[in-house]
Amino acid sequence: MARYEMSSIDCGAMGAVATGTVFLQLGLMHAIGRVAAIDRVAAHKWFNLAAREGVAEAARLRRELAAEMTAAEIADAQRGAREWIAAN
């Protein structure tokens, strides 16, 4: 997966700022291990949500990441995205 440098963001509870751009940044944070250990499932989930908001870069990164994941990991990420949508 490509490495990206990005400024630190404070998402807090996200509330009204839950946009495709924020989802993309959360995906990148998990993909590169910016805040904690690399978490491909969480990264895929956030990229999925960003792509749903129309962020083309997120869709590309999600495909790239999925190539490195097992089918079970992808299923977990998709489940996580659906749960986030249902809860928010």
PDB file of N, CA and C in Angstrom:
ATOM      1  N   MET A   1       0.843  -1.175   0.000  1.00  0.00           N
ATOM      2  CA  MET A   1       0.000   0.000   0.000  1.00  0.00           C
ATOM      3  C   MET A   1       0.882   1.230   0.000  1.00  0.00           C
ATOM      4  N   ALA A   2       0.506   2.179  -0.761  1.00  0.00           N
ATOM      5  CA  ALA A   2       1.270   3.419  -0.842  1.00  0.00           C
ATOM      6  C   ALA A   2       1.252   4.135   0.495  1.00  0.00           C
ATOM      7  N   ARG A   3       2.305   4.878   0.764  1.00  0.00           N
ATOM      8  CA  ARG A   3       2.388   5.656   2.002  1.00  0.00           C
ATOM      9  C   ARG A   3       1.982   7.086   1.722  1.00  0.00           C
ATOM     10  N   TYR A   4       1.216   7.670   2.608  1.00  0.00           N
ATOM     11  CA  TYR A   4       0.764   9.042   2.458  1.00  0.00           C
ATOM     12  C   TYR A   4       1.129   9.830   3.695  1.00  0.00           C
ATOM     13  N   GLU A   5       1.494  11.070   3.497  1.00  0.00           N
ATOM     14  CA  GLU A   5       1.723  11.978   4.617  1.00  0.00           C
ATOM     15  C   GLU A   5       0.507  12.877   4.696  1.00  0.00           C
ATOM     16  N   MET A   6      -0.016  13.027   5.879  1.00  0.00           N
ATOM     17  CA  MET A   6      -1.167  13.890   6.031  1.00  0.00           C
ATOM     18  C   MET A   6      -1.106  14.580   7.371  1.00  0.00           C
ATOM     19  N   SER A   7      -1.763  15.706   7.451  1.00  0.00           N
ATOM     20  CA  SER A   7      -1.777  16.435   8.709  1.00  0.00           C
ATOM     21  C   SER A   7      -2.660  15.697   9.701  1.00  0.00           C
ATOM     22  N   SER A   8      -2.378  15.922  10.950  1.00  0.00           N
ATOM     23  CA  SER A   8      -3.155  15.302  12.010  1.00  0.00           C
ATOM     24  C   SER A   8      -4.550  15.914  12.035  1.00  0.00           C
ATOM     25  N   ILE A   9      -5.571  15.084  12.243  1.00  0.00           N
ATOM     26  CA  ILE A   9      -6.926  15.601  12.376  1.00  0.00           C
ATOM     27  C   ILE A   9      -7.499  15.144  13.697  1.00  0.00           C
ATOM     28  N   ASP A  10      -8.370  15.941  14.225  1.00  0.00           N
ATOM     29  CA  ASP A  10      -9.047  15.581  15.459  1.00  0.00           C
ATOM     30  C   ASP A  10     -10.490  15.293  15.102  1.00  0.00           C
ATOM     31  N   CYS A  11     -10.865  14.020  15.067  1.00  0.00           N
ATOM     32  CA  CYS A  11     -12.209  13.650  14.652  1.00  0.00           C
ATOM     33  C   CYS A  11     -13.175  13.608  15.816  1.00  0.00           C
ATOM     34  N   GLY A  12     -12.693  13.444  17.028  1.00  0.00           N
ATOM     35  CA  GLY A  12     -13.575  13.365  18.168  1.00  0.00           C
ATOM     36  C   GLY A  12     -14.699  12.389  17.913  1.00  0.00           C
ATOM     37  N   ALA A  13     -15.900  12.767  18.234  1.00  0.00           N
ATOM     38  CA  ALA A  13     -17.071  11.928  17.988  1.00  0.00           C
ATOM     39  C   ALA A  13     -17.552  12.097  16.551  1.00  0.00           C
ATOM     40  N   MET A  14     -16.932  12.932  15.787  1.00  0.00           N
ATOM     41  CA  MET A  14     -17.186  13.235  14.386  1.00  0.00           C
ATOM     42  C   MET A  14     -18.479  14.000  14.187  1.00  0.00           C
ATOM     43  N   GLY A  15     -19.527  13.673  14.830  1.00  0.00           N
ATOM     44  CA  GLY A  15     -20.765  14.423  14.732  1.00  0.00           C
ATOM     45  C   GLY A  15     -21.070  14.885  13.328  1.00  0.00           C
ATOM     46  N   ALA A  16     -21.232  16.178  13.151  1.00  0.00           N
ATOM     47  CA  ALA A  16     -21.643  16.743  11.872  1.00  0.00           C
ATOM     48  C   ALA A  16     -20.524  16.776  10.847  1.00  0.00           C
ATOM     49  N   VAL A  17     -19.304  16.479  11.221  1.00  0.00           N
ATOM     50  CA  VAL A  17     -18.198  16.552  10.264  1.00  0.00           C
ATOM     51  C   VAL A  17     -17.919  15.213   9.592  1.00  0.00           C
ATOM     52  N   ALA A  18     -18.827  14.275   9.703  1.00  0.00           N
ATOM     53  CA  ALA A  18     -18.638  12.959   9.085  1.00  0.00           C
ATOM     54  C   ALA A  18     -18.847  13.096   7.575  1.00  0.00           C
ATOM     55  N   THR A  19     -17.770  13.400   6.859  1.00  0.00           N
ATOM     56  CA  THR A  19     -17.831  13.571   5.405  1.00  0.00           C
ATOM     57  C   THR A  19     -16.904  12.569   4.743  1.00  0.00           C
ATOM     58  N   GLY A  20     -17.009  12.476   3.438  1.00  0.00           N
ATOM     59  CA  GLY A  20     -16.139  11.576   2.696  1.00  0.00           C
ATOM     60  C   GLY A  20     -14.670  11.865   2.925  1.00  0.00           C
ATOM     61  N   THR A  21     -14.321  13.143   3.030  1.00  0.00           N
ATOM     62  CA  THR A  21     -12.922  13.520   3.253  1.00  0.00           C
ATOM     63  C   THR A  21     -12.431  13.034   4.610  1.00  0.00           C
ATOM     64  N   VAL A  22     -13.273  13.168   5.632  1.00  0.00           N
ATOM     65  CA  VAL A  22     -12.900  12.688   6.969  1.00  0.00           C
ATOM     66  C   VAL A  22     -12.755  11.170   6.953  1.00  0.00           C
ATOM     67  N   PHE A  23     -13.685  10.487   6.284  1.00  0.00           N
ATOM     68  CA  PHE A  23     -13.603   9.030   6.195  1.00  0.00           C
ATOM     69  C   PHE A  23     -12.317   8.605   5.488  1.00  0.00           C
ATOM     70  N   LEU A  24     -11.966   9.325   4.417  1.00  0.00           N
ATOM     71  CA  LEU A  24     -10.726   9.028   3.697  1.00  0.00           C
ATOM     72  C   LEU A  24      -9.529   9.175   4.627  1.00  0.00           C
ATOM     73  N   GLN A  25      -9.484  10.255   5.394  1.00  0.00           N
ATOM     74  CA  GLN A  25      -8.364  10.473   6.302  1.00  0.00           C
ATOM     75  C   GLN A  25      -8.306   9.408   7.392  1.00  0.00           C
ATOM     76  N   LEU A  26      -9.461   8.991   7.895  1.00  0.00           N
ATOM     77  CA  LEU A  26      -9.480   7.911   8.891  1.00  0.00           C
ATOM     78  C   LEU A  26      -8.951   6.617   8.277  1.00  0.00           C
ATOM     79  N   GLY A  27      -9.349   6.336   7.042  1.00  0.00           N
ATOM     80  CA  GLY A  27      -8.837   5.154   6.351  1.00  0.00           C
ATOM     81  C   GLY A  27      -7.325   5.200   6.205  1.00  0.00           C
ATOM     82  N   LEU A  28      -6.810   6.362   5.830  1.00  0.00           N
ATOM     83  CA  LEU A  28      -5.359   6.513   5.686  1.00  0.00           C
ATOM     84  C   LEU A  28      -4.652   6.334   7.020  1.00  0.00           C
ATOM     85  N   MET A  29      -5.234   6.885   8.079  1.00  0.00           N
ATOM     86  CA  MET A  29      -4.621   6.746   9.405  1.00  0.00           C
ATOM     87  C   MET A  29      -4.475   5.267   9.789  1.00  0.00           C
ATOM     88  N   HIS A  30      -5.504   4.488   9.517  1.00  0.00           N
ATOM     89  CA  HIS A  30      -5.450   3.065   9.845  1.00  0.00           C
ATOM     90  C   HIS A  30      -4.558   2.299   8.869  1.00  0.00           C
ATOM     91  N   ALA A  31      -4.524   2.713   7.619  1.00  0.00           N
ATOM     92  CA  ALA A  31      -3.735   2.008   6.604  1.00  0.00           C
ATOM     93  C   ALA A  31      -2.232   2.171   6.815  1.00  0.00           C
ATOM     94  N   ILE A  32      -1.828   3.344   7.326  1.00  0.00           N
ATOM     95  CA  ILE A  32      -0.387   3.590   7.481  1.00  0.00           C
ATOM     96  C   ILE A  32       0.074   3.490   8.921  1.00  0.00           C
ATOM     97  N   GLY A  33      -0.865   3.236   9.844  1.00  0.00           N
ATOM     98  CA  GLY A  33      -0.483   3.115  11.244  1.00  0.00           C
ATOM     99  C   GLY A  33      -0.149   4.445  11.874  1.00  0.00           C
ATOM    100  N   ARG A  34      -0.809   5.491  11.458  1.00  0.00           N
ATOM    101  CA  ARG A  34      -0.515   6.847  11.944  1.00  0.00           C
ATOM    102  C   ARG A  34      -0.820   7.009  13.431  1.00  0.00           C
ATOM    103  N   VAL A  35      -1.913   6.464  13.893  1.00  0.00           N
ATOM    104  CA  VAL A  35      -2.342   6.645  15.278  1.00  0.00           C
ATOM    105  C   VAL A  35      -2.049   5.407  16.123  1.00  0.00           C
ATOM    106  N   ALA A  36      -2.206   4.257  15.530  1.00  0.00           N
ATOM    107  CA  ALA A  36      -1.983   2.983  16.227  1.00  0.00           C
ATOM    108  C   ALA A  36      -1.400   2.009  15.216  1.00  0.00           C
ATOM    109  N   ALA A  37      -1.390   0.748  15.565  1.00  0.00           N
ATOM    110  CA  ALA A  37      -0.883  -0.272  14.638  1.00  0.00           C
ATOM    111  C   ALA A  37      -1.724  -0.278  13.362  1.00  0.00           C
ATOM    112  N   ILE A  38      -1.125  -0.678  12.267  1.00  0.00           N
ATOM    113  CA  ILE A  38      -1.839  -0.779  10.994  1.00  0.00           C
ATOM    114  C   ILE A  38      -3.017  -1.728  11.168  1.00  0.00           C
ATOM    115  N   ASP A  39      -4.177  -1.290  10.704  1.00  0.00           N
ATOM    116  CA  ASP A  39      -5.414  -2.073  10.803  1.00  0.00           C
ATOM    117  C   ASP A  39      -6.090  -2.039   9.440  1.00  0.00           C
ATOM    118  N   ARG A  40      -5.846  -3.063   8.631  1.00  0.00           N
ATOM    119  CA  ARG A  40      -6.374  -3.086   7.273  1.00  0.00           C
ATOM    120  C   ARG A  40      -7.895  -3.172   7.252  1.00  0.00           C
ATOM    121  N   VAL A  41      -8.481  -3.886   8.199  1.00  0.00           N
ATOM    122  CA  VAL A  41      -9.943  -4.005   8.244  1.00  0.00           C
ATOM    123  C   VAL A  41     -10.572  -2.638   8.504  1.00  0.00           C
ATOM    124  N   ALA A  42     -10.064  -1.914   9.490  1.00  0.00           N
ATOM    125  CA  ALA A  42     -10.594  -0.582   9.784  1.00  0.00           C
ATOM    126  C   ALA A  42     -10.346   0.363   8.607  1.00  0.00           C
ATOM    127  N   ALA A  43      -9.171   0.289   7.999  1.00  0.00           N
ATOM    128  CA  ALA A  43      -8.870   1.148   6.852  1.00  0.00           C
ATOM    129  C   ALA A  43      -9.860   0.895   5.723  1.00  0.00           C
ATOM    130  N   HIS A  44     -10.104  -0.360   5.419  1.00  0.00           N
ATOM    131  CA  HIS A  44     -11.041  -0.724   4.350  1.00  0.00           C
ATOM    132  C   HIS A  44     -12.442  -0.200   4.672  1.00  0.00           C
ATOM    133  N   LYS A  45     -12.849  -0.334   5.932  1.00  0.00           N
ATOM    134  CA  LYS A  45     -14.167   0.163   6.352  1.00  0.00           C
ATOM    135  C   LYS A  45     -14.296   1.658   6.081  1.00  0.00           C
ATOM    136  N   TRP A  46     -13.299   2.443   6.493  1.00  0.00           N
ATOM    137  CA  TRP A  46     -13.365   3.897   6.300  1.00  0.00           C
ATOM    138  C   TRP A  46     -13.269   4.261   4.828  1.00  0.00           C
ATOM    139  N   PHE A  47     -12.424   3.553   4.056  1.00  0.00           N
ATOM    140  CA  PHE A  47     -12.360   3.803   2.614  1.00  0.00           C
ATOM    141  C   PHE A  47     -13.708   3.500   1.966  1.00  0.00           C
ATOM    142  N   ASN A  48     -14.368   2.438   2.443  1.00  0.00           N
ATOM    143  CA  ASN A  48     -15.675   2.066   1.922  1.00  0.00           C
ATOM    144  C   ASN A  48     -16.682   3.192   2.163  1.00  0.00           C
ATOM    145  N   LEU A  49     -16.681   3.739   3.367  1.00  0.00           N
ATOM    146  CA  LEU A  49     -17.597   4.837   3.690  1.00  0.00           C
ATOM    147  C   LEU A  49     -17.274   6.093   2.885  1.00  0.00           C
ATOM    148  N   ALA A  50     -16.001   6.370   2.692  1.00  0.00           N
ATOM    149  CA  ALA A  50     -15.607   7.535   1.891  1.00  0.00           C
ATOM    150  C   ALA A  50     -16.024   7.352   0.435  1.00  0.00           C
ATOM    151  N   ALA A  51     -15.816   6.155  -0.102  1.00  0.00           N
ATOM    152  CA  ALA A  51     -16.212   5.877  -1.482  1.00  0.00           C
ATOM    153  C   ALA A  51     -17.721   6.035  -1.642  1.00  0.00           C
ATOM    154  N   ARG A  52     -18.463   5.630  -0.630  1.00  0.00           N
ATOM    155  CA  ARG A  52     -19.920   5.779  -0.640  1.00  0.00           C
ATOM    156  C   ARG A  52     -20.322   7.253  -0.726  1.00  0.00           C
ATOM    157  N   GLU A  53     -19.476   8.128  -0.210  1.00  0.00           N
ATOM    158  CA  GLU A  53     -19.715   9.572  -0.267  1.00  0.00           C
ATOM    159  C   GLU A  53     -19.178  10.192  -1.557  1.00  0.00           C
ATOM    160  N   GLY A  54     -18.661   9.354  -2.460  1.00  0.00           N
ATOM    161  CA  GLY A  54     -18.214   9.844  -3.760  1.00  0.00           C
ATOM    162  C   GLY A  54     -16.746  10.198  -3.865  1.00  0.00           C
ATOM    163  N   VAL A  55     -15.927   9.785  -2.906  1.00  0.00           N
ATOM    164  CA  VAL A  55     -14.495  10.091  -2.940  1.00  0.00           C
ATOM    165  C   VAL A  55     -13.794   9.022  -3.792  1.00  0.00           C
ATOM    166  N   ALA A  56     -13.429   9.394  -5.008  1.00  0.00           N
ATOM    167  CA  ALA A  56     -12.833   8.444  -5.951  1.00  0.00           C
ATOM    168  C   ALA A  56     -11.518   7.864  -5.436  1.00  0.00           C
ATOM    169  N   GLU A  57     -10.712   8.692  -4.785  1.00  0.00           N
ATOM    170  CA  GLU A  57      -9.427   8.230  -4.247  1.00  0.00           C
ATOM    171  C   GLU A  57      -9.646   7.112  -3.225  1.00  0.00           C
ATOM    172  N   ALA A  58     -10.701   7.206  -2.446  1.00  0.00           N
ATOM    173  CA  ALA A  58     -11.008   6.171  -1.451  1.00  0.00           C
ATOM    174  C   ALA A  58     -11.346   4.849  -2.128  1.00  0.00           C
ATOM    175  N   ALA A  59     -12.089   4.916  -3.213  1.00  0.00           N
ATOM    176  CA  ALA A  59     -12.432   3.696  -3.945  1.00  0.00           C
ATOM    177  C   ALA A  59     -11.168   3.033  -4.491  1.00  0.00           C
ATOM    178  N   ARG A  60     -10.245   3.835  -4.999  1.00  0.00           N
ATOM    179  CA  ARG A  60      -8.989   3.288  -5.524  1.00  0.00           C
ATOM    180  C   ARG A  60      -8.170   2.656  -4.402  1.00  0.00           C
ATOM    181  N   LEU A  61      -8.059   3.350  -3.281  1.00  0.00           N
ATOM    182  CA  LEU A  61      -7.280   2.823  -2.153  1.00  0.00           C
ATOM    183  C   LEU A  61      -7.920   1.565  -1.567  1.00  0.00           C
ATOM    184  N   ARG A  62      -9.238   1.538  -1.547  1.00  0.00           N
ATOM    185  CA  ARG A  62      -9.947   0.354  -1.057  1.00  0.00           C
ATOM    186  C   ARG A  62      -9.636  -0.860  -1.925  1.00  0.00           C
ATOM    187  N   ARG A  63      -9.627  -0.682  -3.243  1.00  0.00           N
ATOM    188  CA  ARG A  63      -9.287  -1.785  -4.153  1.00  0.00           C
ATOM    189  C   ARG A  63      -7.850  -2.245  -3.929  1.00  0.00           C
ATOM    190  N   GLU A  64      -6.945  -1.289  -3.792  1.00  0.00           N
ATOM    191  CA  GLU A  64      -5.536  -1.613  -3.569  1.00  0.00           C
ATOM    192  C   GLU A  64      -5.361  -2.386  -2.264  1.00  0.00           C
ATOM    193  N   LEU A  65      -6.008  -1.937  -1.224  1.00  0.00           N
ATOM    194  CA  LEU A  65      -5.925  -2.586   0.077  1.00  0.00           C
ATOM    195  C   LEU A  65      -6.560  -3.966   0.047  1.00  0.00           C
ATOM    196  N   ALA A  66      -7.697  -4.098  -0.627  1.00  0.00           N
ATOM    197  CA  ALA A  66      -8.399  -5.383  -0.699  1.00  0.00           C
ATOM    198  C   ALA A  66      -7.527  -6.464  -1.331  1.00  0.00           C
ATOM    199  N   ALA A  67      -6.630  -6.072  -2.220  1.00  0.00           N
ATOM    200  CA  ALA A  67      -5.736  -7.036  -2.857  1.00  0.00           C
ATOM    201  C   ALA A  67      -4.776  -7.664  -1.846  1.00  0.00           C
ATOM    202  N   GLU A  68      -4.600  -7.015  -0.695  1.00  0.00           N
ATOM    203  CA  GLU A  68      -3.697  -7.508   0.351  1.00  0.00           C
ATOM    204  C   GLU A  68      -4.448  -8.208   1.486  1.00  0.00           C
ATOM    205  N   MET A  69      -5.775  -8.289   1.368  1.00  0.00           N
ATOM    206  CA  MET A  69      -6.596  -8.807   2.457  1.00  0.00           C
ATOM    207  C   MET A  69      -7.215 -10.151   2.102  1.00  0.00           C
ATOM    208  N   THR A  70      -7.579 -10.906   3.139  1.00  0.00           N
ATOM    209  CA  THR A  70      -8.304 -12.151   2.924  1.00  0.00           C
ATOM    210  C   THR A  70      -9.785 -11.839   2.732  1.00  0.00           C
ATOM    211  N   ALA A  71     -10.523 -12.821   2.227  1.00  0.00           N
ATOM    212  CA  ALA A  71     -11.963 -12.645   2.050  1.00  0.00           C
ATOM    213  C   ALA A  71     -12.645 -12.386   3.394  1.00  0.00           C
ATOM    214  N   ALA A  72     -12.180 -13.029   4.446  1.00  0.00           N
ATOM    215  CA  ALA A  72     -12.763 -12.832   5.779  1.00  0.00           C
ATOM    216  C   ALA A  72     -12.504 -11.416   6.284  1.00  0.00           C
ATOM    217  N   GLU A  73     -11.324 -10.882   6.032  1.00  0.00           N
ATOM    218  CA  GLU A  73     -11.019  -9.505   6.447  1.00  0.00           C
ATOM    219  C   GLU A  73     -11.911  -8.507   5.709  1.00  0.00           C
ATOM    220  N   ILE A  74     -12.095  -8.727   4.417  1.00  0.00           N
ATOM    221  CA  ILE A  74     -12.947  -7.837   3.626  1.00  0.00           C
ATOM    222  C   ILE A  74     -14.382  -7.906   4.130  1.00  0.00           C
ATOM    223  N   ALA A  75     -14.852  -9.102   4.427  1.00  0.00           N
ATOM    224  CA  ALA A  75     -16.211  -9.267   4.955  1.00  0.00           C
ATOM    225  C   ALA A  75     -16.363  -8.532   6.287  1.00  0.00           C
ATOM    226  N   ASP A  76     -15.354  -8.622   7.157  1.00  0.00           N
ATOM    227  CA  ASP A  76     -15.385  -7.904   8.440  1.00  0.00           C
ATOM    228  C   ASP A  76     -15.460  -6.396   8.215  1.00  0.00           C
ATOM    229  N   ALA A  77     -14.669  -5.904   7.257  1.00  0.00           N
ATOM    230  CA  ALA A  77     -14.656  -4.466   6.960  1.00  0.00           C
ATOM    231  C   ALA A  77     -16.010  -4.011   6.428  1.00  0.00           C
ATOM    232  N   GLN A  78     -16.586  -4.800   5.545  1.00  0.00           N
ATOM    233  CA  GLN A  78     -17.888  -4.450   4.988  1.00  0.00           C
ATOM    234  C   GLN A  78     -18.968  -4.474   6.064  1.00  0.00           C
ATOM    235  N   ARG A  79     -18.892  -5.448   6.948  1.00  0.00           N
ATOM    236  CA  ARG A  79     -19.836  -5.519   8.065  1.00  0.00           C
ATOM    237  C   ARG A  79     -19.693  -4.278   8.959  1.00  0.00           C
ATOM    238  N   GLY A  80     -18.446  -3.899   9.226  1.00  0.00           N
ATOM    239  CA  GLY A  80     -18.198  -2.710  10.035  1.00  0.00           C
ATOM    240  C   GLY A  80     -18.767  -1.449   9.402  1.00  0.00           C
ATOM    241  N   ALA A  81     -18.635  -1.329   8.088  1.00  0.00           N
ATOM    242  CA  ALA A  81     -19.185  -0.163   7.385  1.00  0.00           C
ATOM    243  C   ALA A  81     -20.704  -0.150   7.483  1.00  0.00           C
ATOM    244  N   ARG A  82     -21.323  -1.311   7.279  1.00  0.00           N
ATOM    245  CA  ARG A  82     -22.790  -1.384   7.387  1.00  0.00           C
ATOM    246  C   ARG A  82     -23.250  -1.027   8.800  1.00  0.00           C
ATOM    247  N   GLU A  83     -22.528  -1.510   9.808  1.00  0.00           N
ATOM    248  CA  GLU A  83     -22.886  -1.206  11.192  1.00  0.00           C
ATOM    249  C   GLU A  83     -22.739   0.288  11.478  1.00  0.00           C
ATOM    250  N   TRP A  84     -21.677   0.912  10.931  1.00  0.00           N
ATOM    251  CA  TRP A  84     -21.476   2.346  11.148  1.00  0.00           C
ATOM    252  C   TRP A  84     -22.635   3.119  10.517  1.00  0.00           C
ATOM    253  N   ILE A  85     -23.021   2.719   9.302  1.00  0.00           N
ATOM    254  CA  ILE A  85     -24.127   3.391   8.621  1.00  0.00           C
ATOM    255  C   ILE A  85     -25.416   3.252   9.425  1.00  0.00           C
ATOM    256  N   ALA A  86     -25.686   2.061   9.912  1.00  0.00           N
ATOM    257  CA  ALA A  86     -26.911   1.818  10.686  1.00  0.00           C
ATOM    258  C   ALA A  86     -26.924   2.637  11.979  1.00  0.00           C
ATOM    259  N   ALA A  87     -25.774   2.798  12.591  1.00  0.00           N
ATOM    260  CA  ALA A  87     -25.694   3.507  13.870  1.00  0.00           C
ATOM    261  C   ALA A  87     -25.674   5.022  13.701  1.00  0.00           C
ATOM    262  N   ASN A  88     -25.323   5.483  12.524  1.00  0.00           N
ATOM    263  CA  ASN A  88     -25.188   6.928  12.310  1.00  0.00           C
ATOM    264  C   ASN A  88     -26.115   7.401  11.240  1.00  0.00           C
TER     265      ASN A  88
END
